C-alpha atoms as a PDB file:
ATOM      1  CA  MET A   1     183.465  98.051 114.710  1.00  0.00           C
ATOM      2  CA  GLY A   2     185.518  98.059 111.590  1.00  0.00           C
ATOM      3  CA  HIS A   3     182.454  98.137 109.298  1.00  0.00           C
ATOM      4  CA  ASP A   4     182.637 100.134 106.084  1.00  0.00           C
ATOM      5  CA  PHE A   5     179.611 102.400 105.777  1.00  0.00           C
ATOM      6  CA  SER A   6     181.041 104.588 103.013  1.00  0.00           C
ATOM      7  CA  HIS A   7     177.908 103.930 100.911  1.00  0.00           C
ATOM      8  CA  ILE A   8     175.831 105.937 103.423  1.00  0.00           C
ATOM      9  CA  ALA A   9     175.698 109.513 102.134  1.00  0.00           C
ATOM     10  CA  ARG A  10     174.278 111.296 105.187  1.00  0.00           C
ATOM     11  CA  ASN A  11     176.766 111.977 107.964  1.00  0.00           C
ATOM     12  CA  CYS A  12     174.087 111.646 110.641  1.00  0.00           C
ATOM     13  CA  GLU A  13     172.854 108.326 109.216  1.00  0.00           C
ATOM     14  CA  ARG A  14     176.396 106.951 109.034  1.00  0.00           C
ATOM     15  CA  ALA A  15     177.061 108.086 112.611  1.00  0.00           C
ATOM     16  CA  VAL A  16     173.855 106.461 113.883  1.00  0.00           C
ATOM     17  CA  VAL A  17     174.440 103.129 112.139  1.00  0.00           C
ATOM     18  CA  THR A  18     178.096 102.999 113.157  1.00  0.00           C
ATOM     19  CA  ALA A  19     177.265 103.848 116.778  1.00  0.00           C
ATOM     20  CA  TYR A  20     174.503 101.241 116.919  1.00  0.00           C
ATOM     21  CA  ARG A  21     176.693  98.496 115.506  1.00  0.00           C
ATOM     22  CA  ASP A  22     179.621  99.395 117.753  1.00  0.00           C
ATOM     23  CA  LEU A  23     177.465  99.571 120.887  1.00  0.00           C
ATOM     24  CA  ARG A  24     175.875  96.197 120.118  1.00  0.00           C
ATOM     25  CA  THR A  25     179.284  94.653 119.338  1.00  0.00           C
ATOM     26  CA  LEU A  26     180.535  95.874 122.704  1.00  0.00           C
ATOM     27  CA  GLY A  27     177.666  94.078 124.463  1.00  0.00           C
ATOM     28  CA  ASN A  28     175.185  96.879 125.044  1.00  0.00           C
ATOM     29  CA  PRO A  29     171.527  95.826 125.010  1.00  0.00           C
ATOM     30  CA  ASP A  30     169.473  96.681 121.927  1.00  0.00           C
ATOM     31  CA  LEU A  31     167.262  99.251 123.674  1.00  0.00           C
ATOM     32  CA  ALA A  32     170.218 101.059 125.248  1.00  0.00           C
ATOM     33  CA  ALA A  33     171.990 101.237 121.873  1.00  0.00           C
ATOM     34  CA  PHE A  34     168.789 102.461 120.202  1.00  0.00           C
ATOM     35  CA  ARG A  35     168.285 105.202 122.802  1.00  0.00           C
ATOM     36  CA  ALA A  36     171.904 106.316 122.468  1.00  0.00           C
ATOM     37  CA  CYS A  37     171.425 106.576 118.715  1.00  0.00           C
ATOM     38  CA  ILE A  38     168.310 108.704 119.145  1.00  0.00           C
ATOM     39  CA  THR A  39     170.380 111.072 121.269  1.00  0.00           C
ATOM     40  CA  LEU A  40     173.147 111.062 118.674  1.00  0.00           C
ATOM     41  CA  TYR A  41     170.685 111.873 115.885  1.00  0.00           C
ATOM     42  CA  ARG A  42     169.286 114.772 117.905  1.00  0.00           C
ATOM     43  CA  ILE A  43     172.807 116.142 118.387  1.00  0.00           C
ATOM     44  CA  HIS A  44     173.112 116.260 114.586  1.00  0.00           C
ATOM     45  CA  HIS A  45     169.533 117.570 114.271  1.00  0.00           C
ATOM     46  CA  PRO A  46     168.455 119.470 117.394  1.00  0.00           C
ATOM     47  CA  GLU A  47     165.408 120.728 115.479  1.00  0.00           C
ATOM     48  CA  ALA A  48     164.032 117.174 115.212  1.00  0.00           C
ATOM     49  CA  SER A  49     161.322 116.005 117.559  1.00  0.00           C
ATOM     50  CA  VAL A  50     161.909 112.902 119.647  1.00  0.00           C
ATOM     51  CA  ASN A  51     159.281 111.069 117.604  1.00  0.00           C
ATOM     52  CA  GLU A  52     160.945 112.016 114.315  1.00  0.00           C
ATOM     53  CA  ALA A  53     164.327 110.919 115.677  1.00  0.00           C
ATOM     54  CA  ARG A  54     162.893 107.598 116.882  1.00  0.00           C
ATOM     55  CA  ARG A  55     161.282 106.913 113.513  1.00  0.00           C
ATOM     56  CA  LEU A  56     164.383 107.696 111.442  1.00  0.00           C
ATOM     57  CA  VAL A  57     166.783 105.870 113.756  1.00  0.00           C
ATOM     58  CA  ALA A  58     164.513 102.802 113.775  1.00  0.00           C
ATOM     59  CA  GLU A  59     164.283 102.863 109.962  1.00  0.00           C
ATOM     60  CA  TRP A  60     168.052 103.232 109.551  1.00  0.00           C
ATOM     61  CA  ILE A  61     168.897 100.492 112.052  1.00  0.00           C
ATOM     62  CA  ASP A  62     166.370  98.149 110.450  1.00  0.00           C
ATOM     63  CA  HIS A  63     167.635  98.961 106.964  1.00  0.00           C
ATOM     64  CA  HIS A  64     171.390  98.772 107.597  1.00  0.00           C
ATOM     65  CA  ALA A  65     171.852  96.565 110.693  1.00  0.00           C
ATOM     66  CA  VAL A  66     168.921  94.157 110.430  1.00  0.00           C
ATOM     67  CA  ARG A  67     168.356  93.827 106.676  1.00  0.00           C
ATOM     68  CA  VAL A  68     171.989  94.682 105.835  1.00  0.00           C
ATOM     69  CA  SER A  69     170.894  96.670 102.787  1.00  0.00           C
ATOM     70  CA  THR A  70     173.072  99.154 100.923  1.00  0.00           C
ATOM     71  CA  ALA A  71     170.149 100.786  99.086  1.00  0.00           C
ATOM     72  CA  PRO A  72     169.294 104.433  99.792  1.00  0.00           C
ATOM     73  CA  THR A  73     167.007 105.175 102.726  1.00  0.00           C
ATOM     74  CA  PRO A  74     164.414 107.854 103.415  1.00  0.00           C
ATOM     75  CA  GLY A  75     165.455 110.471 105.902  1.00  0.00           C
ATOM     76  CA  CYS A  76     166.688 113.975 106.393  1.00  0.00           C
ATOM     77  CA  ASP A  77     168.059 116.237 103.667  1.00  0.00           C
ATOM     78  CA  CYS A  78     171.545 116.717 105.104  1.00  0.00           C
ATOM     79  CA  ARG A  79     174.736 115.383 103.584  1.00  0.00           C
END
């Protein structure tokens, strides 16, 4: 909560990373936060398969929440 993710260009990526961080900060277990973020991604991208959503969400969480990187990430083409 209160994190600045303005460097993240994709709305769905920003939403996923923010939700994950907030859920973890509020005491939710890692797996529950991860699953919630998969659902959130699929709300933004209903055309995405569950496997695609899992892969992207895992990459984004690892990149932004674990490695704390601000570099661009692979992902969808939305903005």
